[in-house]
Amino acid sequence: MRKDLCAILDPEKIRYRVTPFDRFRVDDIRDGSTPALVTMLGFQEGNEDPMTASAWLQRIADPGDIVLAEMQIMPETGSEAVMTFYRHPLMTRFSRLAFERAEGLTPSSGRVFVLPVTVSDGQTIDAAIMCEEYTVGEKRRLFVSNYCLKYSLEQYRRHREREGQFGVCHEALTDDRSVLFQLACRA
């Protein structure tokens, strides 16, 4: 990213740090009044309660700073694109590896669910849940290997603007409308 940004920004003003969101402070890299660009690529926000993610961003970004986020959302047409993503062979292998590390080599079969979840502020958001189904004695059990909130487009915008105190500047969706790229500026 630095190489590409140098074509449009002064290279002396580009500083970066790769760190977990809960430990990062933009003042660690801030250079005077230059706005910071915080990237949240890789769906990290979807693995947290919306209020937790909003609190992180409010601690990280000062007024005028920009967040570039990528989020898999629930398309208006339904969950098929989300289910296709979680049924991809690499995702099913990820689920199996998580199960093997936690539970051993018990035979299992991968399962994917999309279920409504009530989050801390009372709203209901769909969540994609990957698990491994296995048997212990006569009982069938589920080991949850991954979960991620799947906001609707409107829920995600409200989350960013109301709870996150950011103004949405620009958005782009993939062709299947299941992945959103969003630029938002801290108010």
C-alpha atoms as a PDB file:
ATOM      1  CA  MET A   1       0.000   0.000   0.000  1.00  0.00           C
ATOM      2  CA  ARG A   2       2.879   2.379   0.825  1.00  0.00           C
ATOM      3  CA  LYS A   3       4.292   2.032  -2.704  1.00  0.00           C
ATOM      4  CA  ASP A   4       0.964   2.963  -4.286  1.00  0.00           C
ATOM      5  CA  LEU A   5       0.290   5.781  -1.816  1.00  0.00           C
ATOM      6  CA  CYS A   6       3.679   7.373  -2.551  1.00  0.00           C
ATOM      7  CA  ALA A   7       2.375   8.175  -6.036  1.00  0.00           C
ATOM      8  CA  ILE A   8      -0.259  10.522  -4.548  1.00  0.00           C
ATOM      9  CA  LEU A   9       1.056  11.442  -1.074  1.00  0.00           C
ATOM     10  CA  ASP A  10       4.297  12.823   0.267  1.00  0.00           C
ATOM     11  CA  PRO A  11       6.323   9.707   1.248  1.00  0.00           C
ATOM     12  CA  GLU A  12       7.637  11.564   4.327  1.00  0.00           C
ATOM     13  CA  LYS A  13       4.076  11.791   5.659  1.00  0.00           C
ATOM     14  CA  ILE A  14       3.300   8.084   5.341  1.00  0.00           C
ATOM     15  CA  ARG A  15       3.709   6.148   8.569  1.00  0.00           C
ATOM     16  CA  TYR A  16       2.089   2.855   9.398  1.00  0.00           C
ATOM     17  CA  ARG A  17       1.738   0.276  12.090  1.00  0.00           C
ATOM     18  CA  VAL A  18       0.220  -3.193  11.967  1.00  0.00           C
ATOM     19  CA  THR A  19      -1.249  -4.059  15.353  1.00  0.00           C
ATOM     20  CA  PRO A  20      -4.431  -5.395  16.963  1.00  0.00           C
ATOM     21  CA  PHE A  21      -7.169  -2.774  17.025  1.00  0.00           C
ATOM     22  CA  ASP A  22      -7.611  -2.876  20.781  1.00  0.00           C
ATOM     23  CA  ARG A  23      -3.983  -1.772  21.317  1.00  0.00           C
ATOM     24  CA  PHE A  24      -3.508   0.710  18.470  1.00  0.00           C
ATOM     25  CA  ARG A  25      -3.554   4.477  19.017  1.00  0.00           C
ATOM     26  CA  VAL A  26      -3.300   6.766  16.014  1.00  0.00           C
ATOM     27  CA  ASP A  27      -1.076   9.125  18.035  1.00  0.00           C
ATOM     28  CA  ASP A  28       1.596   6.401  17.818  1.00  0.00           C
ATOM     29  CA  ILE A  29       2.050   7.360  14.148  1.00  0.00           C
ATOM     30  CA  ARG A  30       0.395  10.781  13.826  1.00  0.00           C
ATOM     31  CA  ASP A  31       2.385  13.480  12.099  1.00  0.00           C
ATOM     32  CA  GLY A  32       0.980  16.868  13.038  1.00  0.00           C
ATOM     33  CA  SER A  33      -2.480  17.548  11.636  1.00  0.00           C
ATOM     34  CA  THR A  34      -2.314  15.007   8.802  1.00  0.00           C
ATOM     35  CA  PRO A  35      -5.438  12.798   8.931  1.00  0.00           C
ATOM     36  CA  ALA A  36      -4.849   9.129   9.623  1.00  0.00           C
ATOM     37  CA  LEU A  37      -6.236   6.322   7.461  1.00  0.00           C
ATOM     38  CA  VAL A  38      -7.197   3.288   9.553  1.00  0.00           C
ATOM     39  CA  THR A  39      -7.843   0.117   7.574  1.00  0.00           C
ATOM     40  CA  MET A  40     -10.103  -2.630   8.830  1.00  0.00           C
ATOM     41  CA  LEU A  41      -9.745  -5.194   6.103  1.00  0.00           C
ATOM     42  CA  GLY A  42     -10.510  -8.829   6.752  1.00  0.00           C
ATOM     43  CA  PHE A  43     -13.911  -8.644   8.460  1.00  0.00           C
ATOM     44  CA  GLN A  44     -12.535  -8.057  11.988  1.00  0.00           C
ATOM     45  CA  GLU A  45     -15.508  -5.891  12.889  1.00  0.00           C
ATOM     46  CA  GLY A  46     -17.911  -8.740  12.215  1.00  0.00           C
ATOM     47  CA  ASN A  47     -16.323 -10.835  14.955  1.00  0.00           C
ATOM     48  CA  GLU A  48     -17.130  -8.293  17.660  1.00  0.00           C
ATOM     49  CA  ASP A  49     -20.220  -6.852  19.245  1.00  0.00           C
ATOM     50  CA  PRO A  50     -21.015  -3.611  17.366  1.00  0.00           C
ATOM     51  CA  MET A  51     -20.575  -1.482  20.479  1.00  0.00           C
ATOM     52  CA  THR A  52     -17.121  -2.998  21.120  1.00  0.00           C
ATOM     53  CA  ALA A  53     -16.017  -2.324  17.540  1.00  0.00           C
ATOM     54  CA  SER A  54     -17.377   1.236  17.719  1.00  0.00           C
ATOM     55  CA  ALA A  55     -15.501   1.880  20.963  1.00  0.00           C
ATOM     56  CA  TRP A  56     -12.261   0.666  19.338  1.00  0.00           C
ATOM     57  CA  LEU A  57     -12.696   3.009  16.394  1.00  0.00           C
ATOM     58  CA  GLN A  58     -13.559   5.954  18.637  1.00  0.00           C
ATOM     59  CA  ARG A  59     -10.350   5.354  20.636  1.00  0.00           C
ATOM     60  CA  ILE A  60      -8.261   4.855  17.494  1.00  0.00           C
ATOM     61  CA  ALA A  61      -9.477   7.676  15.253  1.00  0.00           C
ATOM     62  CA  ASP A  62      -9.672  11.378  15.996  1.00  0.00           C
ATOM     63  CA  PRO A  63     -12.067  13.792  14.268  1.00  0.00           C
ATOM     64  CA  GLY A  64     -11.062  14.069  10.605  1.00  0.00           C
ATOM     65  CA  ASP A  65      -9.418  10.628  10.494  1.00  0.00           C
ATOM     66  CA  ILE A  66     -10.678   8.128   7.922  1.00  0.00           C
ATOM     67  CA  VAL A  67     -11.573   4.446   8.236  1.00  0.00           C
ATOM     68  CA  LEU A  68     -11.405   2.112   5.239  1.00  0.00           C
ATOM     69  CA  ALA A  69     -13.415  -0.994   6.078  1.00  0.00           C
ATOM     70  CA  GLU A  70     -14.281  -4.187   4.279  1.00  0.00           C
ATOM     71  CA  MET A  71     -17.314  -6.088   5.524  1.00  0.00           C
ATOM     72  CA  GLN A  72     -19.193  -9.069   4.191  1.00  0.00           C
ATOM     73  CA  ILE A  73     -22.823  -8.050   4.545  1.00  0.00           C
ATOM     74  CA  MET A  74     -26.099  -9.864   4.079  1.00  0.00           C
ATOM     75  CA  PRO A  75     -27.339  -9.039   0.561  1.00  0.00           C
ATOM     76  CA  GLU A  76     -30.972  -8.029   0.146  1.00  0.00           C
ATOM     77  CA  THR A  77     -31.411 -11.133  -2.026  1.00  0.00           C
ATOM     78  CA  GLY A  78     -30.694 -13.507   0.864  1.00  0.00           C
ATOM     79  CA  SER A  79     -27.882 -15.582   2.315  1.00  0.00           C
ATOM     80  CA  GLU A  80     -26.714 -17.587  -0.735  1.00  0.00           C
ATOM     81  CA  ALA A  81     -23.532 -15.532  -1.344  1.00  0.00           C
ATOM     82  CA  VAL A  82     -22.641 -15.749   2.360  1.00  0.00           C
ATOM     83  CA  MET A  83     -23.249 -19.506   2.420  1.00  0.00           C
ATOM     84  CA  THR A  84     -21.148 -19.956  -0.735  1.00  0.00           C
ATOM     85  CA  PHE A  85     -18.252 -18.115   0.930  1.00  0.00           C
ATOM     86  CA  TYR A  86     -18.389 -20.275   4.064  1.00  0.00           C
ATOM     87  CA  ARG A  87     -18.700 -23.483   2.053  1.00  0.00           C
ATOM     88  CA  HIS A  88     -15.544 -22.710   0.057  1.00  0.00           C
ATOM     89  CA  PRO A  89     -12.966 -25.540   0.470  1.00  0.00           C
ATOM     90  CA  LEU A  90     -10.472 -23.218   2.183  1.00  0.00           C
ATOM     91  CA  MET A  91     -13.073 -22.115   4.725  1.00  0.00           C
ATOM     92  CA  THR A  92     -14.181 -25.686   5.394  1.00  0.00           C
ATOM     93  CA  ARG A  93     -10.522 -26.649   5.875  1.00  0.00           C
ATOM     94  CA  PHE A  94     -10.084 -23.758   8.316  1.00  0.00           C
ATOM     95  CA  SER A  95     -13.076 -25.002  10.304  1.00  0.00           C
ATOM     96  CA  ARG A  96     -11.747 -28.549  10.386  1.00  0.00           C
ATOM     97  CA  LEU A  97      -8.268 -27.391  11.504  1.00  0.00           C
ATOM     98  CA  ALA A  98      -9.754 -25.332  14.347  1.00  0.00           C
ATOM     99  CA  PHE A  99     -11.754 -28.377  15.449  1.00  0.00           C
ATOM    100  CA  GLU A 100      -8.749 -30.700  15.254  1.00  0.00           C
ATOM    101  CA  ARG A 101      -6.625 -28.368  17.371  1.00  0.00           C
ATOM    102  CA  ALA A 102      -9.324 -27.983  20.002  1.00  0.00           C
ATOM    103  CA  GLU A 103     -11.006 -31.376  20.116  1.00  0.00           C
ATOM    104  CA  GLY A 104      -8.600 -33.872  18.549  1.00  0.00           C
ATOM    105  CA  LEU A 105      -9.109 -36.071  15.519  1.00  0.00           C
ATOM    106  CA  THR A 106     -12.716 -37.055  16.170  1.00  0.00           C
ATOM    107  CA  PRO A 107     -14.592 -37.498  12.862  1.00  0.00           C
ATOM    108  CA  SER A 108     -16.773 -34.501  12.118  1.00  0.00           C
ATOM    109  CA  SER A 109     -18.758 -32.910   9.351  1.00  0.00           C
ATOM    110  CA  GLY A 110     -18.783 -29.201   8.593  1.00  0.00           C
ATOM    111  CA  ARG A 111     -21.961 -27.206   9.057  1.00  0.00           C
ATOM    112  CA  VAL A 112     -22.842 -23.595   8.285  1.00  0.00           C
ATOM    113  CA  PHE A 113     -25.785 -21.716   9.756  1.00  0.00           C
ATOM    114  CA  VAL A 114     -27.109 -18.193   9.366  1.00  0.00           C
ATOM    115  CA  LEU A 115     -28.977 -17.252  12.513  1.00  0.00           C
ATOM    116  CA  PRO A 116     -30.308 -14.004  13.974  1.00  0.00           C
ATOM    117  CA  VAL A 117     -28.329 -12.765  16.991  1.00  0.00           C
ATOM    118  CA  THR A 118     -29.370 -10.040  19.420  1.00  0.00           C
ATOM    119  CA  VAL A 119     -26.371  -7.818  20.170  1.00  0.00           C
ATOM    120  CA  SER A 120     -25.728  -5.590  23.203  1.00  0.00           C
ATOM    121  CA  ASP A 121     -27.716  -2.599  21.940  1.00  0.00           C
ATOM    122  CA  GLY A 122     -30.787  -4.801  21.395  1.00  0.00           C
ATOM    123  CA  GLN A 123     -30.766  -4.943  17.604  1.00  0.00           C
ATOM    124  CA  THR A 124     -30.893  -8.242  15.745  1.00  0.00           C
ATOM    125  CA  ILE A 125     -28.160  -8.956  13.192  1.00  0.00           C
ATOM    126  CA  ASP A 126     -27.699 -12.140  11.184  1.00  0.00           C
ATOM    127  CA  ALA A 127     -24.585 -14.148  12.017  1.00  0.00           C
ATOM    128  CA  ALA A 128     -22.850 -16.766   9.878  1.00  0.00           C
ATOM    129  CA  ILE A 129     -21.706 -19.601  12.120  1.00  0.00           C
ATOM    130  CA  MET A 130     -19.307 -22.335  11.018  1.00  0.00           C
ATOM    131  CA  CYS A 131     -19.136 -25.485  13.099  1.00  0.00           C
ATOM    132  CA  GLU A 132     -18.093 -29.074  13.117  1.00  0.00           C
ATOM    133  CA  GLU A 133     -20.713 -31.633  14.055  1.00  0.00           C
ATOM    134  CA  TYR A 134     -19.384 -34.671  15.918  1.00  0.00           C
ATOM    135  CA  THR A 135     -20.625 -37.414  18.201  1.00  0.00           C
ATOM    136  CA  VAL A 136     -19.635 -38.235  21.763  1.00  0.00           C
ATOM    137  CA  GLY A 137     -21.274 -41.469  22.825  1.00  0.00           C
ATOM    138  CA  GLU A 138     -24.882 -41.098  21.716  1.00  0.00           C
ATOM    139  CA  LYS A 139     -24.889 -37.283  21.762  1.00  0.00           C
ATOM    140  CA  ARG A 140     -24.377 -35.119  18.703  1.00  0.00           C
ATOM    141  CA  ARG A 141     -22.425 -31.951  19.446  1.00  0.00           C
ATOM    142  CA  LEU A 142     -21.415 -28.812  17.605  1.00  0.00           C
ATOM    143  CA  PHE A 143     -18.001 -27.164  17.876  1.00  0.00           C
ATOM    144  CA  VAL A 144     -18.183 -23.518  16.738  1.00  0.00           C
ATOM    145  CA  SER A 145     -15.071 -22.759  14.695  1.00  0.00           C
ATOM    146  CA  ASN A 146     -15.976 -19.305  13.352  1.00  0.00           C
ATOM    147  CA  TYR A 147     -18.728 -16.737  13.505  1.00  0.00           C
ATOM    148  CA  CYS A 148     -19.227 -13.347  11.926  1.00  0.00           C
ATOM    149  CA  LEU A 149     -22.027 -10.799  12.055  1.00  0.00           C
ATOM    150  CA  LYS A 150     -23.633 -10.155   8.666  1.00  0.00           C
ATOM    151  CA  TYR A 151     -25.166  -6.713   8.870  1.00  0.00           C
ATOM    152  CA  SER A 152     -27.593  -5.586   6.219  1.00  0.00           C
ATOM    153  CA  LEU A 153     -26.245  -2.626   4.247  1.00  0.00           C
ATOM    154  CA  GLU A 154     -28.503  -0.241   6.181  1.00  0.00           C
ATOM    155  CA  GLN A 155     -27.553  -1.763   9.553  1.00  0.00           C
ATOM    156  CA  TYR A 156     -23.866  -1.329   8.777  1.00  0.00           C
ATOM    157  CA  ARG A 157     -24.324   2.282   7.720  1.00  0.00           C
ATOM    158  CA  ARG A 158     -26.305   3.012  10.908  1.00  0.00           C
ATOM    159  CA  HIS A 159     -23.649   1.240  12.973  1.00  0.00           C
ATOM    160  CA  ARG A 160     -20.890   3.355  11.484  1.00  0.00           C
ATOM    161  CA  GLU A 161     -22.762   6.653  11.648  1.00  0.00           C
ATOM    162  CA  ARG A 162     -24.751   6.431  14.872  1.00  0.00           C
ATOM    163  CA  GLU A 163     -22.723   4.217  17.176  1.00  0.00           C
ATOM    164  CA  GLY A 164     -19.356   4.854  15.556  1.00  0.00           C
ATOM    165  CA  GLN A 165     -19.734   8.621  15.143  1.00  0.00           C
ATOM    166  CA  PHE A 166     -18.445   8.538  11.559  1.00  0.00           C
ATOM    167  CA  GLY A 167     -19.865  10.009   8.373  1.00  0.00           C
ATOM    168  CA  VAL A 168     -19.902   7.613   5.438  1.00  0.00           C
ATOM    169  CA  CYS A 169     -17.986   9.215   2.539  1.00  0.00           C
ATOM    170  CA  HIS A 170     -18.012   6.497  -0.096  1.00  0.00           C
ATOM    171  CA  GLU A 171     -19.113   2.886  -0.553  1.00  0.00           C
ATOM    172  CA  ALA A 172     -18.600   0.213  -3.182  1.00  0.00           C
ATOM    173  CA  LEU A 173     -20.151  -3.237  -3.334  1.00  0.00           C
ATOM    174  CA  THR A 174     -18.959  -6.365  -5.104  1.00  0.00           C
ATOM    175  CA  ASP A 175     -21.088  -7.579  -8.024  1.00  0.00           C
ATOM    176  CA  ASP A 176     -22.992 -10.040  -5.825  1.00  0.00           C
ATOM    177  CA  ARG A 177     -23.564  -7.217  -3.281  1.00  0.00           C
ATOM    178  CA  SER A 178     -22.154  -9.334  -0.446  1.00  0.00           C
ATOM    179  CA  VAL A 179     -18.927  -7.434   0.295  1.00  0.00           C
ATOM    180  CA  LEU A 180     -18.926  -3.742   1.108  1.00  0.00           C
ATOM    181  CA  PHE A 181     -15.905  -1.451   0.976  1.00  0.00           C
ATOM    182  CA  GLN A 182     -16.576   1.720   2.928  1.00  0.00           C
ATOM    183  CA  LEU A 183     -14.712   4.978   3.582  1.00  0.00           C
ATOM    184  CA  ALA A 184     -15.940   6.872   6.630  1.00  0.00           C
ATOM    185  CA  CYS A 185     -14.640  10.029   8.301  1.00  0.00           C
ATOM    186  CA  ARG A 186     -14.686  10.495  12.076  1.00  0.00           C
ATOM    187  CA  ALA A 187     -17.031  13.350  12.989  1.00  0.00           C
END
